[in-house]
Amino acid sequence: MIDAHKNQFRLIRAIADFGVVAISRPWLSFLVFIFLGIAITAFYAAADAWHRYSEQSARDRVLYDACLAERGNVVACDAVMRIIKRQRQ
């Protein structure tokens, strides 16, 4: 248990001591959690974008691309695609 506690931040401390400055333990923990938060947020954004793209048909993708080329506004094109989806139902 003591060895695990001592080696908990070995890699990050080695990176920090590589030539920058030594980072105190509270700041090191803070930076680790900030990095994890950024990684989780990026993963969620990528998964959401993948889900949105995969549920569109090829015809819908062409319409969306044409809308973006014409208007250049993602929010407006999302609204147009929602309207088209409602009209199909």
PDB file of N, CA and C in Angstrom:
ATOM      1  N   MET A   1       0.826  -1.191   0.000  1.00  0.00           N
ATOM      2  CA  MET A   1       0.000   0.000   0.000  1.00  0.00           C
ATOM      3  C   MET A   1       0.868   1.251   0.000  1.00  0.00           C
ATOM      4  N   ILE A   2       1.945   1.237   0.776  1.00  0.00           N
ATOM      5  CA  ILE A   2       2.814   2.406   0.846  1.00  0.00           C
ATOM      6  C   ILE A   2       3.530   2.612  -0.490  1.00  0.00           C
ATOM      7  N   ASP A   3       3.994   1.514  -1.108  1.00  0.00           N
ATOM      8  CA  ASP A   3       4.678   1.634  -2.394  1.00  0.00           C
ATOM      9  C   ASP A   3       3.732   2.165  -3.477  1.00  0.00           C
ATOM     10  N   ALA A   4       2.490   1.715  -3.462  1.00  0.00           N
ATOM     11  CA  ALA A   4       1.518   2.193  -4.446  1.00  0.00           C
ATOM     12  C   ALA A   4       1.263   3.680  -4.257  1.00  0.00           C
ATOM     13  N   HIS A   5       1.213   4.105  -2.998  1.00  0.00           N
ATOM     14  CA  HIS A   5       0.988   5.524  -2.717  1.00  0.00           C
ATOM     15  C   HIS A   5       2.168   6.369  -3.176  1.00  0.00           C
ATOM     16  N   LYS A   6       3.370   5.885  -2.984  1.00  0.00           N
ATOM     17  CA  LYS A   6       4.571   6.622  -3.383  1.00  0.00           C
ATOM     18  C   LYS A   6       4.685   6.708  -4.902  1.00  0.00           C
ATOM     19  N   ASN A   7       4.286   5.659  -5.590  1.00  0.00           N
ATOM     20  CA  ASN A   7       4.448   5.602  -7.046  1.00  0.00           C
ATOM     21  C   ASN A   7       3.212   6.072  -7.806  1.00  0.00           C
ATOM     22  N   GLN A   8       2.264   6.647  -7.099  1.00  0.00           N
ATOM     23  CA  GLN A   8       0.994   7.000  -7.730  1.00  0.00           C
ATOM     24  C   GLN A   8       1.166   7.982  -8.878  1.00  0.00           C
ATOM     25  N   PHE A   9       1.979   8.992  -8.695  1.00  0.00           N
ATOM     26  CA  PHE A   9       2.152  10.009  -9.731  1.00  0.00           C
ATOM     27  C   PHE A   9       3.572  10.003 -10.300  1.00  0.00           C
ATOM     28  N   ARG A  10       4.191   8.860 -10.368  1.00  0.00           N
ATOM     29  CA  ARG A  10       5.582   8.779 -10.805  1.00  0.00           C
ATOM     30  C   ARG A  10       5.766   9.320 -12.237  1.00  0.00           C
ATOM     31  N   LEU A  11       4.910   8.907 -13.155  1.00  0.00           N
ATOM     32  CA  LEU A  11       5.052   9.339 -14.547  1.00  0.00           C
ATOM     33  C   LEU A  11       4.834  10.838 -14.699  1.00  0.00           C
ATOM     34  N   ILE A  12       3.789  11.344 -14.091  1.00  0.00           N
ATOM     35  CA  ILE A  12       3.495  12.773 -14.236  1.00  0.00           C
ATOM     36  C   ILE A  12       4.559  13.609 -13.542  1.00  0.00           C
ATOM     37  N   ARG A  13       5.032  13.169 -12.390  1.00  0.00           N
ATOM     38  CA  ARG A  13       6.085  13.899 -11.695  1.00  0.00           C
ATOM     39  C   ARG A  13       7.382  13.866 -12.510  1.00  0.00           C
ATOM     40  N   ALA A  14       7.647  12.748 -13.191  1.00  0.00           N
ATOM     41  CA  ALA A  14       8.845  12.670 -14.031  1.00  0.00           C
ATOM     42  C   ALA A  14       8.739  13.649 -15.197  1.00  0.00           C
ATOM     43  N   ILE A  15       7.549  13.761 -15.757  1.00  0.00           N
ATOM     44  CA  ILE A  15       7.347  14.726 -16.838  1.00  0.00           C
ATOM     45  C   ILE A  15       7.501  16.150 -16.311  1.00  0.00           C
ATOM     46  N   ALA A  16       6.946  16.402 -15.132  1.00  0.00           N
ATOM     47  CA  ALA A  16       7.029  17.742 -14.554  1.00  0.00           C
ATOM     48  C   ALA A  16       8.467  18.095 -14.182  1.00  0.00           C
ATOM     49  N   ASP A  17       9.229  17.135 -13.705  1.00  0.00           N
ATOM     50  CA  ASP A  17      10.611  17.394 -13.292  1.00  0.00           C
ATOM     51  C   ASP A  17      11.578  17.386 -14.469  1.00  0.00           C
ATOM     52  N   PHE A  18      11.068  17.108 -15.657  1.00  0.00           N
ATOM     53  CA  PHE A  18      11.942  16.975 -16.813  1.00  0.00           C
ATOM     54  C   PHE A  18      12.670  18.265 -17.161  1.00  0.00           C
ATOM     55  N   GLY A  19      12.199  19.357 -16.706  1.00  0.00           N
ATOM     56  CA  GLY A  19      12.885  20.593 -17.014  1.00  0.00           C
ATOM     57  C   GLY A  19      12.017  21.804 -16.799  1.00  0.00           C
ATOM     58  N   VAL A  20      10.795  21.579 -16.454  1.00  0.00           N
ATOM     59  CA  VAL A  20       9.897  22.703 -16.243  1.00  0.00           C
ATOM     60  C   VAL A  20      10.081  23.161 -14.803  1.00  0.00           C
ATOM     61  N   VAL A  21       9.198  22.806 -13.935  1.00  0.00           N
ATOM     62  CA  VAL A  21       9.293  23.102 -12.511  1.00  0.00           C
ATOM     63  C   VAL A  21       8.709  21.941 -11.738  1.00  0.00           C
ATOM     64  N   ALA A  22       9.091  21.820 -10.502  1.00  0.00           N
ATOM     65  CA  ALA A  22       8.507  20.787  -9.660  1.00  0.00           C
ATOM     66  C   ALA A  22       7.093  21.226  -9.274  1.00  0.00           C
ATOM     67  N   ILE A  23       6.144  20.319  -9.359  1.00  0.00           N
ATOM     68  CA  ILE A  23       4.754  20.633  -9.073  1.00  0.00           C
ATOM     69  C   ILE A  23       4.388  20.006  -7.733  1.00  0.00           C
ATOM     70  N   SER A  24       3.758  20.788  -6.868  1.00  0.00           N
ATOM     71  CA  SER A  24       3.350  20.256  -5.577  1.00  0.00           C
ATOM     72  C   SER A  24       2.215  19.254  -5.771  1.00  0.00           C
ATOM     73  N   ARG A  25       2.007  18.405  -4.785  1.00  0.00           N
ATOM     74  CA  ARG A  25       1.029  17.327  -4.887  1.00  0.00           C
ATOM     75  C   ARG A  25      -0.399  17.831  -5.134  1.00  0.00           C
ATOM     76  N   PRO A  26      -0.884  18.883  -4.448  1.00  0.00           N
ATOM     77  CA  PRO A  26      -2.256  19.336  -4.751  1.00  0.00           C
ATOM     78  C   PRO A  26      -2.404  19.838  -6.188  1.00  0.00           C
ATOM     79  N   TRP A  27      -1.413  20.556  -6.679  1.00  0.00           N
ATOM     80  CA  TRP A  27      -1.488  21.031  -8.061  1.00  0.00           C
ATOM     81  C   TRP A  27      -1.395  19.883  -9.043  1.00  0.00           C
ATOM     82  N   LEU A  28      -0.600  18.886  -8.709  1.00  0.00           N
ATOM     83  CA  LEU A  28      -0.468  17.723  -9.576  1.00  0.00           C
ATOM     84  C   LEU A  28      -1.798  16.990  -9.684  1.00  0.00           C
ATOM     85  N   SER A  29      -2.471  16.807  -8.559  1.00  0.00           N
ATOM     86  CA  SER A  29      -3.791  16.164  -8.580  1.00  0.00           C
ATOM     87  C   SER A  29      -4.782  16.994  -9.383  1.00  0.00           C
ATOM     88  N   PHE A  30      -4.746  18.301  -9.194  1.00  0.00           N
ATOM     89  CA  PHE A  30      -5.632  19.190  -9.932  1.00  0.00           C
ATOM     90  C   PHE A  30      -5.410  19.055 -11.435  1.00  0.00           C
ATOM     91  N   LEU A  31      -4.158  19.049 -11.859  1.00  0.00           N
ATOM     92  CA  LEU A  31      -3.852  18.937 -13.285  1.00  0.00           C
ATOM     93  C   LEU A  31      -4.281  17.593 -13.859  1.00  0.00           C
ATOM     94  N   VAL A  32      -4.131  16.532 -13.080  1.00  0.00           N
ATOM     95  CA  VAL A  32      -4.561  15.208 -13.533  1.00  0.00           C
ATOM     96  C   VAL A  32      -6.071  15.199 -13.761  1.00  0.00           C
ATOM     97  N   PHE A  33      -6.829  15.768 -12.810  1.00  0.00           N
ATOM     98  CA  PHE A  33      -8.282  15.784 -12.963  1.00  0.00           C
ATOM     99  C   PHE A  33      -8.726  16.705 -14.090  1.00  0.00           C
ATOM    100  N   ILE A  34      -8.024  17.795 -14.319  1.00  0.00           N
ATOM    101  CA  ILE A  34      -8.340  18.663 -15.455  1.00  0.00           C
ATOM    102  C   ILE A  34      -8.122  17.896 -16.762  1.00  0.00           C
ATOM    103  N   PHE A  35      -6.998  17.184 -16.865  1.00  0.00           N
ATOM    104  CA  PHE A  35      -6.717  16.398 -18.061  1.00  0.00           C
ATOM    105  C   PHE A  35      -7.789  15.333 -18.281  1.00  0.00           C
ATOM    106  N   LEU A  36      -8.186  14.645 -17.210  1.00  0.00           N
ATOM    107  CA  LEU A  36      -9.223  13.624 -17.340  1.00  0.00           C
ATOM    108  C   LEU A  36     -10.552  14.246 -17.773  1.00  0.00           C
ATOM    109  N   GLY A  37     -10.889  15.412 -17.246  1.00  0.00           N
ATOM    110  CA  GLY A  37     -12.118  16.088 -17.641  1.00  0.00           C
ATOM    111  C   GLY A  37     -12.110  16.459 -19.112  1.00  0.00           C
ATOM    112  N   ILE A  38     -10.971  16.945 -19.584  1.00  0.00           N
ATOM    113  CA  ILE A  38     -10.855  17.298 -20.999  1.00  0.00           C
ATOM    114  C   ILE A  38     -10.970  16.044 -21.866  1.00  0.00           C
ATOM    115  N   ALA A  39     -10.342  14.962 -21.454  1.00  0.00           N
ATOM    116  CA  ALA A  39     -10.392  13.721 -22.223  1.00  0.00           C
ATOM    117  C   ALA A  39     -11.814  13.165 -22.282  1.00  0.00           C
ATOM    118  N   ILE A  40     -12.520  13.189 -21.164  1.00  0.00           N
ATOM    119  CA  ILE A  40     -13.896  12.682 -21.133  1.00  0.00           C
ATOM    120  C   ILE A  40     -14.803  13.553 -21.990  1.00  0.00           C
ATOM    121  N   THR A  41     -14.634  14.864 -21.921  1.00  0.00           N
ATOM    122  CA  THR A  41     -15.439  15.780 -22.727  1.00  0.00           C
ATOM    123  C   THR A  41     -15.184  15.569 -24.215  1.00  0.00           C
ATOM    124  N   ALA A  42     -13.928  15.398 -24.592  1.00  0.00           N
ATOM    125  CA  ALA A  42     -13.597  15.157 -25.999  1.00  0.00           C
ATOM    126  C   ALA A  42     -14.190  13.842 -26.479  1.00  0.00           C
ATOM    127  N   PHE A  43     -14.134  12.816 -25.647  1.00  0.00           N
ATOM    128  CA  PHE A  43     -14.707  11.521 -26.012  1.00  0.00           C
ATOM    129  C   PHE A  43     -16.218  11.646 -26.202  1.00  0.00           C
ATOM    130  N   TYR A  44     -16.892  12.353 -25.303  1.00  0.00           N
ATOM    131  CA  TYR A  44     -18.337  12.532 -25.406  1.00  0.00           C
ATOM    132  C   TYR A  44     -18.704  13.306 -26.677  1.00  0.00           C
ATOM    133  N   ALA A  45     -17.959  14.356 -26.976  1.00  0.00           N
ATOM    134  CA  ALA A  45     -18.241  15.150 -28.180  1.00  0.00           C
ATOM    135  C   ALA A  45     -18.041  14.318 -29.443  1.00  0.00           C
ATOM    136  N   ALA A  46     -16.992  13.511 -29.473  1.00  0.00           N
ATOM    137  CA  ALA A  46     -16.744  12.660 -30.639  1.00  0.00           C
ATOM    138  C   ALA A  46     -17.834  11.601 -30.788  1.00  0.00           C
ATOM    139  N   ALA A  47     -18.261  11.015 -29.668  1.00  0.00           N
ATOM    140  CA  ALA A  47     -19.314  10.003 -29.726  1.00  0.00           C
ATOM    141  C   ALA A  47     -20.632  10.618 -30.186  1.00  0.00           C
ATOM    142  N   ASP A  48     -20.926  11.825 -29.729  1.00  0.00           N
ATOM    143  CA  ASP A  48     -22.158  12.501 -30.144  1.00  0.00           C
ATOM    144  C   ASP A  48     -22.130  12.821 -31.638  1.00  0.00           C
ATOM    145  N   ALA A  49     -20.995  13.326 -32.121  1.00  0.00           N
ATOM    146  CA  ALA A  49     -20.869  13.633 -33.546  1.00  0.00           C
ATOM    147  C   ALA A  49     -20.980  12.352 -34.381  1.00  0.00           C
ATOM    148  N   TRP A  50     -20.367  11.280 -33.917  1.00  0.00           N
ATOM    149  CA  TRP A  50     -20.445  10.005 -34.636  1.00  0.00           C
ATOM    150  C   TRP A  50     -21.886   9.508 -34.684  1.00  0.00           C
ATOM    151  N   HIS A  51     -22.598   9.640 -33.581  1.00  0.00           N
ATOM    152  CA  HIS A  51     -23.992   9.182 -33.532  1.00  0.00           C
ATOM    153  C   HIS A  51     -24.860  10.000 -34.476  1.00  0.00           C
ATOM    154  N   ARG A  52     -24.689  11.308 -34.490  1.00  0.00           N
ATOM    155  CA  ARG A  52     -25.474  12.152 -35.385  1.00  0.00           C
ATOM    156  C   ARG A  52     -25.193  11.819 -36.842  1.00  0.00           C
ATOM    157  N   TYR A  53     -23.933  11.596 -37.169  1.00  0.00           N
ATOM    158  CA  TYR A  53     -23.570  11.309 -38.554  1.00  0.00           C
ATOM    159  C   TYR A  53     -24.078   9.940 -38.985  1.00  0.00           C
ATOM    160  N   SER A  54     -24.024   8.956 -38.091  1.00  0.00           N
ATOM    161  CA  SER A  54     -24.382   7.597 -38.479  1.00  0.00           C
ATOM    162  C   SER A  54     -25.877   7.400 -38.651  1.00  0.00           C
ATOM    163  N   GLU A  55     -26.711   8.260 -38.026  1.00  0.00           N
ATOM    164  CA  GLU A  55     -28.143   8.048 -38.163  1.00  0.00           C
ATOM    165  C   GLU A  55     -28.720   8.728 -39.409  1.00  0.00           C
ATOM    166  N   GLN A  56     -27.916   9.482 -40.127  1.00  0.00           N
ATOM    167  CA  GLN A  56     -28.379  10.117 -41.356  1.00  0.00           C
ATOM    168  C   GLN A  56     -28.209   9.171 -42.544  1.00  0.00           C
ATOM    169  N   SER A  57     -29.155   9.236 -43.459  1.00  0.00           N
ATOM    170  CA  SER A  57     -29.018   8.455 -44.681  1.00  0.00           C
ATOM    171  C   SER A  57     -28.095   9.201 -45.644  1.00  0.00           C
ATOM    172  N   ALA A  58     -27.749   8.563 -46.735  1.00  0.00           N
ATOM    173  CA  ALA A  58     -26.880   9.200 -47.727  1.00  0.00           C
ATOM    174  C   ALA A  58     -27.565  10.430 -48.335  1.00  0.00           C
ATOM    175  N   ARG A  59     -28.866  10.326 -48.540  1.00  0.00           N
ATOM    176  CA  ARG A  59     -29.616  11.453 -49.099  1.00  0.00           C
ATOM    177  C   ARG A  59     -29.615  12.637 -48.129  1.00  0.00           C
ATOM    178  N   ASP A  60     -29.785  12.334 -46.832  1.00  0.00           N
ATOM    179  CA  ASP A  60     -29.765  13.392 -45.821  1.00  0.00           C
ATOM    180  C   ASP A  60     -28.393  14.063 -45.739  1.00  0.00           C
ATOM    181  N   ARG A  61     -27.349  13.293 -45.888  1.00  0.00           N
ATOM    182  CA  ARG A  61     -26.003  13.869 -45.846  1.00  0.00           C
ATOM    183  C   ARG A  61     -25.774  14.833 -47.008  1.00  0.00           C
ATOM    184  N   VAL A  62     -26.296  14.468 -48.183  1.00  0.00           N
ATOM    185  CA  VAL A  62     -26.168  15.353 -49.347  1.00  0.00           C
ATOM    186  C   VAL A  62     -26.948  16.642 -49.114  1.00  0.00           C
ATOM    187  N   LEU A  63     -28.167  16.528 -48.574  1.00  0.00           N
ATOM    188  CA  LEU A  63     -28.961  17.719 -48.276  1.00  0.00           C
ATOM    189  C   LEU A  63     -28.262  18.610 -47.244  1.00  0.00           C
ATOM    190  N   TYR A  64     -27.700  17.991 -46.218  1.00  0.00           N
ATOM    191  CA  TYR A  64     -27.018  18.745 -45.163  1.00  0.00           C
ATOM    192  C   TYR A  64     -25.779  19.457 -45.721  1.00  0.00           C
ATOM    193  N   ASP A  65     -25.020  18.750 -46.541  1.00  0.00           N
ATOM    194  CA  ASP A  65     -23.836  19.367 -47.147  1.00  0.00           C
ATOM    195  C   ASP A  65     -24.216  20.525 -48.064  1.00  0.00           C
ATOM    196  N   ALA A  66     -25.304  20.357 -48.821  1.00  0.00           N
ATOM    197  CA  ALA A  66     -25.762  21.441 -49.690  1.00  0.00           C
ATOM    198  C   ALA A  66     -26.214  22.647 -48.871  1.00  0.00           C
ATOM    199  N   CYS A  67     -26.879  22.384 -47.760  1.00  0.00           N
ATOM    200  CA  CYS A  67     -27.317  23.466 -46.876  1.00  0.00           C
ATOM    201  C   CYS A  67     -26.112  24.204 -46.307  1.00  0.00           C
ATOM    202  N   LEU A  68     -25.101  23.460 -45.880  1.00  0.00           N
ATOM    203  CA  LEU A  68     -23.901  24.101 -45.344  1.00  0.00           C
ATOM    204  C   LEU A  68     -23.180  24.919 -46.413  1.00  0.00           C
ATOM    205  N   ALA A  69     -23.154  24.404 -47.632  1.00  0.00           N
ATOM    206  CA  ALA A  69     -22.488  25.135 -48.709  1.00  0.00           C
ATOM    207  C   ALA A  69     -23.228  26.426 -49.035  1.00  0.00           C
ATOM    208  N   GLU A  70     -24.565  26.367 -48.950  1.00  0.00           N
ATOM    209  CA  GLU A  70     -25.367  27.537 -49.286  1.00  0.00           C
ATOM    210  C   GLU A  70     -25.377  28.568 -48.163  1.00  0.00           C
ATOM    211  N   ARG A  71     -25.594  28.097 -46.923  1.00  0.00           N
ATOM    212  CA  ARG A  71     -25.766  29.020 -45.802  1.00  0.00           C
ATOM    213  C   ARG A  71     -24.527  29.155 -44.934  1.00  0.00           C
ATOM    214  N   GLY A  72     -23.771  28.074 -44.771  1.00  0.00           N
ATOM    215  CA  GLY A  72     -22.573  28.109 -43.947  1.00  0.00           C
ATOM    216  C   GLY A  72     -22.846  28.203 -42.462  1.00  0.00           C
ATOM    217  N   ASN A  73     -24.066  27.852 -42.047  1.00  0.00           N
ATOM    218  CA  ASN A  73     -24.446  27.967 -40.648  1.00  0.00           C
ATOM    219  C   ASN A  73     -24.936  26.612 -40.158  1.00  0.00           C
ATOM    220  N   VAL A  74     -24.220  26.018 -39.227  1.00  0.00           N
ATOM    221  CA  VAL A  74     -24.550  24.678 -38.744  1.00  0.00           C
ATOM    222  C   VAL A  74     -25.891  24.675 -38.026  1.00  0.00           C
ATOM    223  N   VAL A  75     -26.169  25.703 -37.237  1.00  0.00           N
ATOM    224  CA  VAL A  75     -27.423  25.747 -36.472  1.00  0.00           C
ATOM    225  C   VAL A  75     -28.626  25.804 -37.411  1.00  0.00           C
ATOM    226  N   ALA A  76     -28.532  26.629 -38.444  1.00  0.00           N
ATOM    227  CA  ALA A  76     -29.635  26.732 -39.407  1.00  0.00           C
ATOM    228  C   ALA A  76     -29.820  25.419 -40.154  1.00  0.00           C
ATOM    229  N   CYS A  77     -28.741  24.775 -40.529  1.00  0.00           N
ATOM    230  CA  CYS A  77     -28.847  23.508 -41.266  1.00  0.00           C
ATOM    231  C   CYS A  77     -29.380  22.389 -40.373  1.00  0.00           C
ATOM    232  N   ASP A  78     -29.039  22.402 -39.093  1.00  0.00           N
ATOM    233  CA  ASP A  78     -29.621  21.431 -38.167  1.00  0.00           C
ATOM    234  C   ASP A  78     -31.136  21.630 -38.075  1.00  0.00           C
ATOM    235  N   ALA A  79     -31.564  22.884 -38.036  1.00  0.00           N
ATOM    236  CA  ALA A  79     -32.995  23.181 -37.986  1.00  0.00           C
ATOM    237  C   ALA A  79     -33.690  22.708 -39.263  1.00  0.00           C
ATOM    238  N   VAL A  80     -33.068  22.933 -40.403  1.00  0.00           N
ATOM    239  CA  VAL A  80     -33.644  22.474 -41.677  1.00  0.00           C
ATOM    240  C   VAL A  80     -33.774  20.954 -41.677  1.00  0.00           C
ATOM    241  N   MET A  81     -32.779  20.266 -41.190  1.00  0.00           N
ATOM    242  CA  MET A  81     -32.837  18.803 -41.164  1.00  0.00           C
ATOM    243  C   MET A  81     -33.925  18.312 -40.200  1.00  0.00           C
ATOM    244  N   ARG A  82     -34.138  19.018 -39.093  1.00  0.00           N
ATOM    245  CA  ARG A  82     -35.224  18.633 -38.172  1.00  0.00           C
ATOM    246  C   ARG A  82     -36.580  18.835 -38.834  1.00  0.00           C
ATOM    247  N   ILE A  83     -36.732  19.927 -39.583  1.00  0.00           N
ATOM    248  CA  ILE A  83     -37.984  20.184 -40.297  1.00  0.00           C
ATOM    249  C   ILE A  83     -38.240  19.091 -41.327  1.00  0.00           C
ATOM    250  N   ILE A  84     -37.223  18.732 -42.080  1.00  0.00           N
ATOM    251  CA  ILE A  84     -37.368  17.664 -43.082  1.00  0.00           C
ATOM    252  C   ILE A  84     -37.727  16.348 -42.416  1.00  0.00           C
ATOM    253  N   LYS A  85     -37.110  16.065 -41.279  1.00  0.00           N
ATOM    254  CA  LYS A  85     -37.393  14.821 -40.555  1.00  0.00           C
ATOM    255  C   LYS A  85     -38.842  14.796 -40.081  1.00  0.00           C
ATOM    256  N   ARG A  86     -39.364  15.933 -39.590  1.00  0.00           N
ATOM    257  CA  ARG A  86     -40.763  16.012 -39.153  1.00  0.00           C
ATOM    258  C   ARG A  86     -41.727  15.842 -40.322  1.00  0.00           C
ATOM    259  N   GLN A  87     -41.382  16.414 -41.467  1.00  0.00           N
ATOM    260  CA  GLN A  87     -42.260  16.314 -42.639  1.00  0.00           C
ATOM    261  C   GLN A  87     -42.347  14.886 -43.154  1.00  0.00           C
ATOM    262  N   ARG A  88     -41.304  14.108 -42.973  1.00  0.00           N
ATOM    263  CA  ARG A  88     -41.308  12.719 -43.435  1.00  0.00           C
ATOM    264  C   ARG A  88     -42.191  11.831 -42.550  1.00  0.00           C
ATOM    265  N   GLN A  89     -42.388  12.247 -41.314  1.00  0.00           N
ATOM    266  CA  GLN A  89     -43.177  11.417 -40.392  1.00  0.00           C
ATOM    267  C   GLN A  89     -44.605  11.608 -40.605  1.00  0.00           C
TER     268      GLN A  89
END
